[in-house]
Amino acid sequence: MQLSDYVNTFGQAMLRRHGERVHKLALHASFTCPNRDGSKGRGGCTFCNNASFNPNGRRPPGIPEQLAAGRRVIARRTGARRYIAYFQAYTNTYAETDRLAQLYGQALRQPGVIGLAVGTRPDCVPDETLDLLAGYRDRGLEVWLELGLQSAFDSTLARVNRGHGFGEYLHTLRRAHARGLQVCTHLILGLPGEDARHYRVTLQRVLEHGVEGLKLHPLHVVRGTALANQWRHGEYRPLALDEYVGLAADLVGRTPPSVIFHRLTATAPPQLLLAPAWCARKWEVLNRIAAELAARRGGPSRAGLRSGCGT
């Protein structure tokens, strides 16, 4: 039993599309965020800690060095030879277009890199940046714009000091799709004040407007955040593992088979993670989700995935 028997996973989707394994290599390009530098707000989202992306606190190596290190890890693990440069940490469109082109270009010139995944906020993607990404797509590269929506409820986004609403997400989504760009939307389960109904409505609203990929994250509490203070004072309770597994399986079951799941859980560095402890056990979580989907569906459906008639 494998997760890809039941879910249209990113790895399997890239294998079908490119004929061999393709791995994302995460990058830290020293971007900041308008919700931290005063442009939108101060302090950032209540759940966000800069050190989660760079736990050693040092300036990250250059883009070529990070990609070389990632290639060495993948070579030992799977032997894959093709990669997507994943600009992950913070808001990776938050710079002038010339600077973005320089950074993205550095990544694309490295051996084996066949495309980009760019993580950002919905309110930080001007037309010039979308045009830049569309230009890479027009060259035949694999390009993904990853938008951190988290929730479709503006009240929730305000509660966690997100600094944008669902309207900004829709505006950027429509402009990205007008250029033929693939969008992967990030959603968080366990945000304060939300329950299963909120997650289902958020997913429904995202699917109604069209999306090519999804990421699901359990909200975890890390040191140095406002959420950590809320948790210490008993004002926030993280999801239990059984809760998350059931919720994730429910959302997967409500998602069309054409949508690619880039991620179904998330982790944090052990020295930063406060709760829930199960967020440190990535493979246990994924195996539990696969088992739950198997129990609900009564058996593998990989053939259905390939034909587009089931997940």
C-alpha atoms as a PDB file:
ATOM      1  CA  MET A   1       0.000   0.000   0.000  1.00  0.00           C
ATOM      2  CA  GLN A   2       1.387   3.365  -1.088  1.00  0.00           C
ATOM      3  CA  LEU A   3      -0.043   6.853  -0.816  1.00  0.00           C
ATOM      4  CA  SER A   4       0.140   7.188  -4.609  1.00  0.00           C
ATOM      5  CA  ASP A   5      -2.304   4.263  -4.897  1.00  0.00           C
ATOM      6  CA  TYR A   6      -4.971   6.665  -3.627  1.00  0.00           C
ATOM      7  CA  VAL A   7      -3.666  10.189  -4.236  1.00  0.00           C
ATOM      8  CA  ASN A   8      -2.464  11.995  -7.350  1.00  0.00           C
ATOM      9  CA  THR A   9       0.911  12.797  -5.801  1.00  0.00           C
ATOM     10  CA  PHE A  10       3.388  15.289  -7.182  1.00  0.00           C
ATOM     11  CA  GLY A  11       6.068  12.616  -7.570  1.00  0.00           C
ATOM     12  CA  GLN A  12       3.864  10.335  -9.632  1.00  0.00           C
ATOM     13  CA  ALA A  13       2.499  13.225 -11.690  1.00  0.00           C
ATOM     14  CA  MET A  14       6.018  14.337 -12.611  1.00  0.00           C
ATOM     15  CA  LEU A  15       7.011  10.748 -13.404  1.00  0.00           C
ATOM     16  CA  ARG A  16       4.120  10.481 -15.863  1.00  0.00           C
ATOM     17  CA  ARG A  17       4.834  13.889 -17.352  1.00  0.00           C
ATOM     18  CA  HIS A  18       8.622  13.649 -17.697  1.00  0.00           C
ATOM     19  CA  GLY A  19       9.222   9.911 -17.863  1.00  0.00           C
ATOM     20  CA  GLU A  20      11.556   9.835 -14.869  1.00  0.00           C
ATOM     21  CA  ARG A  21      11.743  10.924 -11.243  1.00  0.00           C
ATOM     22  CA  VAL A  22      11.697  14.664 -10.586  1.00  0.00           C
ATOM     23  CA  HIS A  23      12.437  16.083  -7.134  1.00  0.00           C
ATOM     24  CA  LYS A  24      11.877  19.539  -5.692  1.00  0.00           C
ATOM     25  CA  LEU A  25      14.992  21.035  -4.111  1.00  0.00           C
ATOM     26  CA  ALA A  26      14.060  23.638  -1.495  1.00  0.00           C
ATOM     27  CA  LEU A  27      15.890  26.968  -1.584  1.00  0.00           C
ATOM     28  CA  HIS A  28      16.313  29.891   0.808  1.00  0.00           C
ATOM     29  CA  ALA A  29      17.027  33.005  -1.262  1.00  0.00           C
ATOM     30  CA  SER A  30      17.039  35.484   1.661  1.00  0.00           C
ATOM     31  CA  PHE A  31      13.701  37.058   0.828  1.00  0.00           C
ATOM     32  CA  THR A  32      11.654  38.725   3.523  1.00  0.00           C
ATOM     33  CA  CYS A  33       7.911  39.290   3.779  1.00  0.00           C
ATOM     34  CA  PRO A  34       5.730  42.431   3.574  1.00  0.00           C
ATOM     35  CA  ASN A  35       3.924  41.214   6.674  1.00  0.00           C
ATOM     36  CA  ARG A  36       7.175  41.476   8.632  1.00  0.00           C
ATOM     37  CA  ASP A  37       8.990  44.496   7.226  1.00  0.00           C
ATOM     38  CA  GLY A  38       6.164  46.978   7.778  1.00  0.00           C
ATOM     39  CA  SER A  39       4.784  47.131   4.233  1.00  0.00           C
ATOM     40  CA  LYS A  40       1.729  45.128   5.320  1.00  0.00           C
ATOM     41  CA  GLY A  41       2.409  44.672   9.000  1.00  0.00           C
ATOM     42  CA  ARG A  42       4.913  43.729  11.687  1.00  0.00           C
ATOM     43  CA  GLY A  43       5.617  40.372  13.261  1.00  0.00           C
ATOM     44  CA  GLY A  44       4.224  38.259  10.430  1.00  0.00           C
ATOM     45  CA  CYS A  45       1.594  35.549  10.711  1.00  0.00           C
ATOM     46  CA  THR A  46       0.984  34.319  14.248  1.00  0.00           C
ATOM     47  CA  PHE A  47       2.304  30.847  13.333  1.00  0.00           C
ATOM     48  CA  CYS A  48       5.424  31.918  11.407  1.00  0.00           C
ATOM     49  CA  ASN A  49       9.030  31.835  12.633  1.00  0.00           C
ATOM     50  CA  ASN A  50      11.876  32.789  10.315  1.00  0.00           C
ATOM     51  CA  ALA A  51      14.087  30.099  11.837  1.00  0.00           C
ATOM     52  CA  SER A  52      11.718  27.398  10.583  1.00  0.00           C
ATOM     53  CA  PHE A  53      13.254  27.976   7.167  1.00  0.00           C
ATOM     54  CA  ASN A  54      16.812  28.539   8.410  1.00  0.00           C
ATOM     55  CA  PRO A  55      17.191  26.916  11.847  1.00  0.00           C
ATOM     56  CA  ASN A  56      20.934  27.562  12.080  1.00  0.00           C
ATOM     57  CA  GLY A  57      20.374  31.310  11.898  1.00  0.00           C
ATOM     58  CA  ARG A  58      23.185  31.816   9.394  1.00  0.00           C
ATOM     59  CA  ARG A  59      22.997  33.448   5.997  1.00  0.00           C
ATOM     60  CA  PRO A  60      22.154  30.638   3.578  1.00  0.00           C
ATOM     61  CA  PRO A  61      24.656  29.558   0.915  1.00  0.00           C
ATOM     62  CA  GLY A  62      24.208  30.739  -2.658  1.00  0.00           C
ATOM     63  CA  ILE A  63      21.618  29.217  -4.963  1.00  0.00           C
ATOM     64  CA  PRO A  64      24.136  27.001  -6.854  1.00  0.00           C
ATOM     65  CA  GLU A  65      25.579  25.693  -3.575  1.00  0.00           C
ATOM     66  CA  GLN A  66      22.146  24.887  -2.148  1.00  0.00           C
ATOM     67  CA  LEU A  67      21.144  23.040  -5.301  1.00  0.00           C
ATOM     68  CA  ALA A  68      24.422  21.098  -5.386  1.00  0.00           C
ATOM     69  CA  ALA A  69      23.874  19.998  -1.792  1.00  0.00           C
ATOM     70  CA  GLY A  70      20.316  18.967  -2.597  1.00  0.00           C
ATOM     71  CA  ARG A  71      21.442  16.966  -5.618  1.00  0.00           C
ATOM     72  CA  ARG A  72      23.924  15.040  -3.463  1.00  0.00           C
ATOM     73  CA  VAL A  73      21.190  14.104  -0.993  1.00  0.00           C
ATOM     74  CA  ILE A  74      18.817  12.985  -3.756  1.00  0.00           C
ATOM     75  CA  ALA A  75      21.594  11.019  -5.482  1.00  0.00           C
ATOM     76  CA  ARG A  76      22.074   8.963  -2.318  1.00  0.00           C
ATOM     77  CA  ARG A  77      18.367   8.593  -1.667  1.00  0.00           C
ATOM     78  CA  THR A  78      16.782   7.857  -5.060  1.00  0.00           C
ATOM     79  CA  GLY A  79      19.339   8.501  -7.795  1.00  0.00           C
ATOM     80  CA  ALA A  80      17.033  10.970  -9.548  1.00  0.00           C
ATOM     81  CA  ARG A  81      18.689  13.328 -12.036  1.00  0.00           C
ATOM     82  CA  ARG A  82      16.019  15.948 -12.717  1.00  0.00           C
ATOM     83  CA  TYR A  83      14.951  18.662 -10.317  1.00  0.00           C
ATOM     84  CA  ILE A  84      12.659  21.607  -9.762  1.00  0.00           C
ATOM     85  CA  ALA A  85      14.212  24.553  -7.946  1.00  0.00           C
ATOM     86  CA  TYR A  86      11.743  25.316  -5.160  1.00  0.00           C
ATOM     87  CA  PHE A  87      12.015  28.878  -3.860  1.00  0.00           C
ATOM     88  CA  GLN A  88      10.385  28.131  -0.525  1.00  0.00           C
ATOM     89  CA  ALA A  89      11.381  30.435   2.320  1.00  0.00           C
ATOM     90  CA  TYR A  90       9.208  33.489   2.793  1.00  0.00           C
ATOM     91  CA  THR A  91       7.814  35.563  -0.097  1.00  0.00           C
ATOM     92  CA  ASN A  92       9.767  34.578  -3.170  1.00  0.00           C
ATOM     93  CA  THR A  93       8.294  37.193  -5.494  1.00  0.00           C
ATOM     94  CA  TYR A  94       8.984  40.077  -3.106  1.00  0.00           C
ATOM     95  CA  ALA A  95      11.675  41.884  -5.133  1.00  0.00           C
ATOM     96  CA  GLU A  96      12.132  43.821  -8.337  1.00  0.00           C
ATOM     97  CA  THR A  97      11.687  41.783 -11.501  1.00  0.00           C
ATOM     98  CA  ASP A  98      15.375  42.108 -12.453  1.00  0.00           C
ATOM     99  CA  ARG A  99      16.400  40.644  -9.103  1.00  0.00           C
ATOM    100  CA  LEU A 100      13.919  37.799  -9.449  1.00  0.00           C
ATOM    101  CA  ALA A 101      15.166  37.030 -12.946  1.00  0.00           C
ATOM    102  CA  GLN A 102      18.733  36.906 -11.624  1.00  0.00           C
ATOM    103  CA  LEU A 103      17.854  34.468  -8.834  1.00  0.00           C
ATOM    104  CA  TYR A 104      15.556  32.272 -10.888  1.00  0.00           C
ATOM    105  CA  GLY A 105      18.089  32.255 -13.715  1.00  0.00           C
ATOM    106  CA  GLN A 106      20.860  31.093 -11.376  1.00  0.00           C
ATOM    107  CA  ALA A 107      18.720  28.130 -10.403  1.00  0.00           C
ATOM    108  CA  LEU A 108      17.700  27.241 -13.940  1.00  0.00           C
ATOM    109  CA  ARG A 109      21.330  27.169 -15.105  1.00  0.00           C
ATOM    110  CA  GLN A 110      22.260  24.428 -12.638  1.00  0.00           C
ATOM    111  CA  PRO A 111      22.644  20.809 -13.801  1.00  0.00           C
ATOM    112  CA  GLY A 112      19.444  18.824 -13.995  1.00  0.00           C
ATOM    113  CA  VAL A 113      17.086  21.696 -13.116  1.00  0.00           C
ATOM    114  CA  ILE A 114      14.049  21.556 -15.388  1.00  0.00           C
ATOM    115  CA  GLY A 115      11.856  24.176 -13.786  1.00  0.00           C
ATOM    116  CA  LEU A 116      10.777  26.349 -10.887  1.00  0.00           C
ATOM    117  CA  ALA A 117       8.312  26.276  -8.028  1.00  0.00           C
ATOM    118  CA  VAL A 118       7.906  29.714  -6.473  1.00  0.00           C
ATOM    119  CA  GLY A 119       6.218  30.050  -3.095  1.00  0.00           C
ATOM    120  CA  THR A 120       4.645  33.415  -2.304  1.00  0.00           C
ATOM    121  CA  ARG A 121       1.713  35.377  -0.897  1.00  0.00           C
ATOM    122  CA  PRO A 122      -1.312  36.127  -3.106  1.00  0.00           C
ATOM    123  CA  ASP A 123      -0.830  39.873  -2.597  1.00  0.00           C
ATOM    124  CA  CYS A 124       2.797  39.958  -3.796  1.00  0.00           C
ATOM    125  CA  VAL A 125       2.590  38.841  -7.421  1.00  0.00           C
ATOM    126  CA  PRO A 126       2.569  41.784  -9.845  1.00  0.00           C
ATOM    127  CA  ASP A 127       1.920  41.323 -13.560  1.00  0.00           C
ATOM    128  CA  GLU A 128       5.626  41.689 -14.351  1.00  0.00           C
ATOM    129  CA  THR A 129       6.441  38.689 -12.161  1.00  0.00           C
ATOM    130  CA  LEU A 130       3.699  36.606 -13.747  1.00  0.00           C
ATOM    131  CA  ASP A 131       5.052  37.533 -17.177  1.00  0.00           C
ATOM    132  CA  LEU A 132       8.529  36.445 -16.096  1.00  0.00           C
ATOM    133  CA  LEU A 133       7.254  33.063 -14.927  1.00  0.00           C
ATOM    134  CA  ALA A 134       5.145  32.634 -18.056  1.00  0.00           C
ATOM    135  CA  GLY A 135       8.268  33.260 -20.125  1.00  0.00           C
ATOM    136  CA  TYR A 136       9.986  30.316 -18.456  1.00  0.00           C
ATOM    137  CA  ARG A 137       6.893  28.190 -19.087  1.00  0.00           C
ATOM    138  CA  ASP A 138       6.987  29.202 -22.773  1.00  0.00           C
ATOM    139  CA  ARG A 139      10.525  27.810 -22.939  1.00  0.00           C
ATOM    140  CA  GLY A 140       9.157  24.388 -22.020  1.00  0.00           C
ATOM    141  CA  LEU A 141      10.150  24.495 -18.354  1.00  0.00           C
ATOM    142  CA  GLU A 142       8.044  23.070 -15.515  1.00  0.00           C
ATOM    143  CA  VAL A 143       6.747  26.133 -13.643  1.00  0.00           C
ATOM    144  CA  TRP A 144       4.529  26.255 -10.550  1.00  0.00           C
ATOM    145  CA  LEU A 145       3.281  29.323  -8.727  1.00  0.00           C
ATOM    146  CA  GLU A 146       2.603  28.280  -5.115  1.00  0.00           C
ATOM    147  CA  LEU A 147       0.146  30.584  -3.348  1.00  0.00           C
ATOM    148  CA  GLY A 148      -0.152  30.537   0.431  1.00  0.00           C
ATOM    149  CA  LEU A 149      -3.882  30.997   0.934  1.00  0.00           C
ATOM    150  CA  GLN A 150      -4.278  28.871   4.118  1.00  0.00           C
ATOM    151  CA  SER A 151      -8.027  29.583   4.485  1.00  0.00           C
ATOM    152  CA  ALA A 152     -10.818  31.040   2.359  1.00  0.00           C
ATOM    153  CA  PHE A 153     -12.303  32.762   5.448  1.00  0.00           C
ATOM    154  CA  ASP A 154     -11.205  36.373   5.806  1.00  0.00           C
ATOM    155  CA  SER A 155     -12.050  36.298   9.515  1.00  0.00           C
ATOM    156  CA  THR A 156      -9.563  33.457  10.018  1.00  0.00           C
ATOM    157  CA  LEU A 157      -6.892  35.199   7.968  1.00  0.00           C
ATOM    158  CA  ALA A 158      -7.328  38.325  10.094  1.00  0.00           C
ATOM    159  CA  ARG A 159      -7.157  36.238  13.277  1.00  0.00           C
ATOM    160  CA  VAL A 160      -3.723  34.881  12.334  1.00  0.00           C
ATOM    161  CA  ASN A 161      -2.519  38.302  11.090  1.00  0.00           C
ATOM    162  CA  ARG A 162      -2.174  37.086   7.531  1.00  0.00           C
ATOM    163  CA  GLY A 163      -2.454  40.546   5.977  1.00  0.00           C
ATOM    164  CA  HIS A 164      -4.543  39.565   2.949  1.00  0.00           C
ATOM    165  CA  GLY A 165      -7.947  38.086   2.177  1.00  0.00           C
ATOM    166  CA  PHE A 166      -9.525  35.625  -0.224  1.00  0.00           C
ATOM    167  CA  GLY A 167     -10.078  38.430  -2.733  1.00  0.00           C
ATOM    168  CA  GLU A 168      -6.338  38.914  -3.256  1.00  0.00           C
ATOM    169  CA  TYR A 169      -5.984  35.193  -3.825  1.00  0.00           C
ATOM    170  CA  LEU A 170      -8.675  35.193  -6.521  1.00  0.00           C
ATOM    171  CA  HIS A 171      -7.150  38.226  -8.225  1.00  0.00           C
ATOM    172  CA  THR A 172      -3.738  36.576  -8.513  1.00  0.00           C
ATOM    173  CA  LEU A 173      -5.161  33.170  -9.416  1.00  0.00           C
ATOM    174  CA  ARG A 174      -7.102  34.626 -12.341  1.00  0.00           C
ATOM    175  CA  ARG A 175      -4.121  36.574 -13.644  1.00  0.00           C
ATOM    176  CA  ALA A 176      -1.879  33.500 -13.356  1.00  0.00           C
ATOM    177  CA  HIS A 177      -4.386  31.307 -15.187  1.00  0.00           C
ATOM    178  CA  ALA A 178      -4.788  33.950 -17.898  1.00  0.00           C
ATOM    179  CA  ARG A 179      -1.101  33.351 -18.634  1.00  0.00           C
ATOM    180  CA  GLY A 180      -1.428  29.575 -18.532  1.00  0.00           C
ATOM    181  CA  LEU A 181       0.529  29.178 -15.294  1.00  0.00           C
ATOM    182  CA  GLN A 182       0.022  26.220 -12.984  1.00  0.00           C
ATOM    183  CA  VAL A 183      -1.018  27.162  -9.457  1.00  0.00           C
ATOM    184  CA  CYS A 184      -0.539  25.127  -6.286  1.00  0.00           C
ATOM    185  CA  THR A 185      -2.581  26.450  -3.351  1.00  0.00           C
ATOM    186  CA  HIS A 186      -1.455  25.940   0.246  1.00  0.00           C
ATOM    187  CA  LEU A 187      -4.129  25.203   2.865  1.00  0.00           C
ATOM    188  CA  ILE A 188      -3.645  24.834   6.624  1.00  0.00           C
ATOM    189  CA  LEU A 189      -5.780  22.556   8.776  1.00  0.00           C
ATOM    190  CA  GLY A 190      -6.080  23.444  12.450  1.00  0.00           C
ATOM    191  CA  LEU A 191      -6.121  27.233  12.249  1.00  0.00           C
ATOM    192  CA  PRO A 192      -7.592  28.876  15.380  1.00  0.00           C
ATOM    193  CA  GLY A 193     -11.370  29.058  15.263  1.00  0.00           C
ATOM    194  CA  GLU A 194     -11.773  26.638  12.356  1.00  0.00           C
ATOM    195  CA  ASP A 195     -13.224  23.141  12.181  1.00  0.00           C
ATOM    196  CA  ALA A 196     -14.098  20.533   9.553  1.00  0.00           C
ATOM    197  CA  ARG A 197     -16.785  22.754   8.042  1.00  0.00           C
ATOM    198  CA  HIS A 198     -14.301  25.552   7.406  1.00  0.00           C
ATOM    199  CA  TYR A 199     -11.826  23.193   5.728  1.00  0.00           C
ATOM    200  CA  ARG A 200     -14.486  21.786   3.435  1.00  0.00           C
ATOM    201  CA  VAL A 201     -15.780  25.219   2.450  1.00  0.00           C
ATOM    202  CA  THR A 202     -12.246  26.462   1.820  1.00  0.00           C
ATOM    203  CA  LEU A 203     -11.506  23.485  -0.412  1.00  0.00           C
ATOM    204  CA  GLN A 204     -14.811  23.927  -2.244  1.00  0.00           C
ATOM    205  CA  ARG A 205     -14.111  27.611  -2.926  1.00  0.00           C
ATOM    206  CA  VAL A 206     -10.598  26.856  -4.157  1.00  0.00           C
ATOM    207  CA  LEU A 207     -11.812  24.078  -6.456  1.00  0.00           C
ATOM    208  CA  GLU A 208     -14.677  26.198  -7.796  1.00  0.00           C
ATOM    209  CA  HIS A 209     -12.199  28.725  -9.136  1.00  0.00           C
ATOM    210  CA  GLY A 210      -9.787  26.112 -10.504  1.00  0.00           C
ATOM    211  CA  VAL A 211      -6.396  24.985  -9.306  1.00  0.00           C
ATOM    212  CA  GLU A 212      -3.795  22.531 -10.576  1.00  0.00           C
ATOM    213  CA  GLY A 213      -2.168  21.600  -7.273  1.00  0.00           C
ATOM    214  CA  LEU A 214      -2.798  21.568  -3.532  1.00  0.00           C
ATOM    215  CA  LYS A 215      -0.712  21.402  -0.382  1.00  0.00           C
ATOM    216  CA  LEU A 216      -2.230  20.468   2.953  1.00  0.00           C
ATOM    217  CA  HIS A 217      -0.404  21.440   6.152  1.00  0.00           C
ATOM    218  CA  PRO A 218      -1.270  20.684   9.766  1.00  0.00           C
ATOM    219  CA  LEU A 219      -0.805  23.819  11.846  1.00  0.00           C
ATOM    220  CA  HIS A 220       2.119  23.210  14.175  1.00  0.00           C
ATOM    221  CA  VAL A 221       3.347  25.389  17.011  1.00  0.00           C
ATOM    222  CA  VAL A 222       6.966  26.534  16.783  1.00  0.00           C
ATOM    223  CA  ARG A 223       9.064  28.593  19.161  1.00  0.00           C
ATOM    224  CA  GLY A 224       9.222  32.342  18.813  1.00  0.00           C
ATOM    225  CA  THR A 225       5.667  32.855  17.541  1.00  0.00           C
ATOM    226  CA  ALA A 226       2.487  34.441  18.830  1.00  0.00           C
ATOM    227  CA  LEU A 227       0.828  31.057  18.373  1.00  0.00           C
ATOM    228  CA  ALA A 228       3.347  29.533  20.794  1.00  0.00           C
ATOM    229  CA  ASN A 229       2.218  32.002  23.469  1.00  0.00           C
ATOM    230  CA  GLN A 230      -1.419  31.173  22.790  1.00  0.00           C
ATOM    231  CA  TRP A 231      -0.645  27.459  23.094  1.00  0.00           C
ATOM    232  CA  ARG A 232       1.258  27.913  26.380  1.00  0.00           C
ATOM    233  CA  HIS A 233      -1.715  29.796  27.861  1.00  0.00           C
ATOM    234  CA  GLY A 234      -4.173  27.116  26.777  1.00  0.00           C
ATOM    235  CA  GLU A 235      -5.743  29.367  24.152  1.00  0.00           C
ATOM    236  CA  TYR A 236      -4.933  27.069  21.247  1.00  0.00           C
ATOM    237  CA  ARG A 237      -5.185  23.285  20.943  1.00  0.00           C
ATOM    238  CA  PRO A 238      -3.440  21.627  17.973  1.00  0.00           C
ATOM    239  CA  LEU A 239      -5.126  18.843  16.046  1.00  0.00           C
ATOM    240  CA  ALA A 240      -4.529  15.294  17.254  1.00  0.00           C
ATOM    241  CA  LEU A 241      -3.016  12.887  14.736  1.00  0.00           C
ATOM    242  CA  ASP A 242      -6.263  10.936  14.326  1.00  0.00           C
ATOM    243  CA  GLU A 243      -8.132  14.180  13.686  1.00  0.00           C
ATOM    244  CA  TYR A 244      -5.680  15.327  11.036  1.00  0.00           C
ATOM    245  CA  VAL A 245      -5.613  11.959   9.271  1.00  0.00           C
ATOM    246  CA  GLY A 246      -9.401  11.903   9.049  1.00  0.00           C
ATOM    247  CA  LEU A 247      -9.626  15.498   7.849  1.00  0.00           C
ATOM    248  CA  ALA A 248      -6.903  15.074   5.235  1.00  0.00           C
ATOM    249  CA  ALA A 249      -8.537  11.909   3.902  1.00  0.00           C
ATOM    250  CA  ASP A 250     -11.867  13.715   3.732  1.00  0.00           C
ATOM    251  CA  LEU A 251     -10.415  16.574   1.671  1.00  0.00           C
ATOM    252  CA  VAL A 252      -8.550  14.216  -0.642  1.00  0.00           C
ATOM    253  CA  GLY A 253     -11.826  12.402  -1.253  1.00  0.00           C
ATOM    254  CA  ARG A 254     -13.512  15.693  -2.213  1.00  0.00           C
ATOM    255  CA  THR A 255     -10.781  16.658  -4.701  1.00  0.00           C
ATOM    256  CA  PRO A 256     -10.959  15.807  -8.429  1.00  0.00           C
ATOM    257  CA  PRO A 257      -8.321  13.272  -9.550  1.00  0.00           C
ATOM    258  CA  SER A 258      -6.767  15.787 -11.946  1.00  0.00           C
ATOM    259  CA  VAL A 259      -5.553  17.967  -9.041  1.00  0.00           C
ATOM    260  CA  ILE A 260      -1.999  17.132  -7.938  1.00  0.00           C
ATOM    261  CA  PHE A 261      -1.244  16.953  -4.222  1.00  0.00           C
ATOM    262  CA  HIS A 262       2.227  18.391  -3.707  1.00  0.00           C
ATOM    263  CA  ARG A 263       2.114  17.679   0.032  1.00  0.00           C
ATOM    264  CA  LEU A 264      -0.191  16.133   2.616  1.00  0.00           C
ATOM    265  CA  THR A 265       1.664  17.007   5.812  1.00  0.00           C
ATOM    266  CA  ALA A 266       4.411  19.301   7.057  1.00  0.00           C
ATOM    267  CA  THR A 267       7.195  19.244   9.625  1.00  0.00           C
ATOM    268  CA  ALA A 268       9.356  21.705  11.534  1.00  0.00           C
ATOM    269  CA  PRO A 269      12.944  21.401  12.840  1.00  0.00           C
ATOM    270  CA  PRO A 270      12.913  19.421  16.124  1.00  0.00           C
ATOM    271  CA  GLN A 271      14.634  22.232  18.042  1.00  0.00           C
ATOM    272  CA  LEU A 272      11.739  24.550  17.121  1.00  0.00           C
ATOM    273  CA  LEU A 273       8.690  22.295  17.189  1.00  0.00           C
ATOM    274  CA  LEU A 274       6.575  22.613  20.343  1.00  0.00           C
ATOM    275  CA  ALA A 275       3.359  20.841  19.344  1.00  0.00           C
ATOM    276  CA  PRO A 276       1.910  18.584  18.182  1.00  0.00           C
ATOM    277  CA  ALA A 277       4.741  16.063  18.562  1.00  0.00           C
ATOM    278  CA  TRP A 278       3.411  13.919  15.725  1.00  0.00           C
ATOM    279  CA  CYS A 279       4.343  16.634  13.213  1.00  0.00           C
ATOM    280  CA  ALA A 280       7.934  15.396  13.551  1.00  0.00           C
ATOM    281  CA  ARG A 281       6.926  11.959  12.218  1.00  0.00           C
ATOM    282  CA  LYS A 282       6.296  12.667   8.539  1.00  0.00           C
ATOM    283  CA  TRP A 283       6.231   9.092   7.270  1.00  0.00           C
ATOM    284  CA  GLU A 284       3.959   7.885  10.035  1.00  0.00           C
ATOM    285  CA  VAL A 285       1.468  10.608   9.129  1.00  0.00           C
ATOM    286  CA  LEU A 286       1.599   9.791   5.414  1.00  0.00           C
ATOM    287  CA  ASN A 287       1.238   6.072   6.066  1.00  0.00           C
ATOM    288  CA  ARG A 288      -1.742   6.727   8.324  1.00  0.00           C
ATOM    289  CA  ILE A 289      -3.402   8.849   5.619  1.00  0.00           C
ATOM    290  CA  ALA A 290      -2.790   6.115   3.040  1.00  0.00           C
ATOM    291  CA  ALA A 291      -4.285   3.514   5.400  1.00  0.00           C
ATOM    292  CA  GLU A 292      -7.333   5.699   6.046  1.00  0.00           C
ATOM    293  CA  LEU A 293      -7.888   6.213   2.323  1.00  0.00           C
ATOM    294  CA  ALA A 294      -7.511   2.479   1.730  1.00  0.00           C
ATOM    295  CA  ALA A 295     -10.098   1.729   4.393  1.00  0.00           C
ATOM    296  CA  ARG A 296     -12.529   4.245   2.922  1.00  0.00           C
ATOM    297  CA  ARG A 297     -12.064   3.198  -0.680  1.00  0.00           C
ATOM    298  CA  GLY A 298     -11.688  -0.526  -0.279  1.00  0.00           C
ATOM    299  CA  GLY A 299      -8.491  -0.989  -2.303  1.00  0.00           C
ATOM    300  CA  PRO A 300      -5.888   0.592  -4.588  1.00  0.00           C
ATOM    301  CA  SER A 301      -7.020   2.832  -7.412  1.00  0.00           C
ATOM    302  CA  ARG A 302      -3.791   3.665  -9.205  1.00  0.00           C
ATOM    303  CA  ALA A 303      -5.258   2.496 -12.515  1.00  0.00           C
ATOM    304  CA  GLY A 304      -8.101   4.968 -12.008  1.00  0.00           C
ATOM    305  CA  LEU A 305      -5.587   7.741 -11.477  1.00  0.00           C
ATOM    306  CA  ARG A 306      -3.837   6.971 -14.710  1.00  0.00           C
ATOM    307  CA  SER A 307      -7.054   6.976 -16.670  1.00  0.00           C
ATOM    308  CA  GLY A 308      -8.299  10.110 -14.914  1.00  0.00           C
ATOM    309  CA  CYS A 309     -11.394   8.366 -13.559  1.00  0.00           C
ATOM    310  CA  GLY A 310     -10.565   8.104  -9.878  1.00  0.00           C
ATOM    311  CA  THR A 311      -8.150   8.940  -7.065  1.00  0.00           C
END
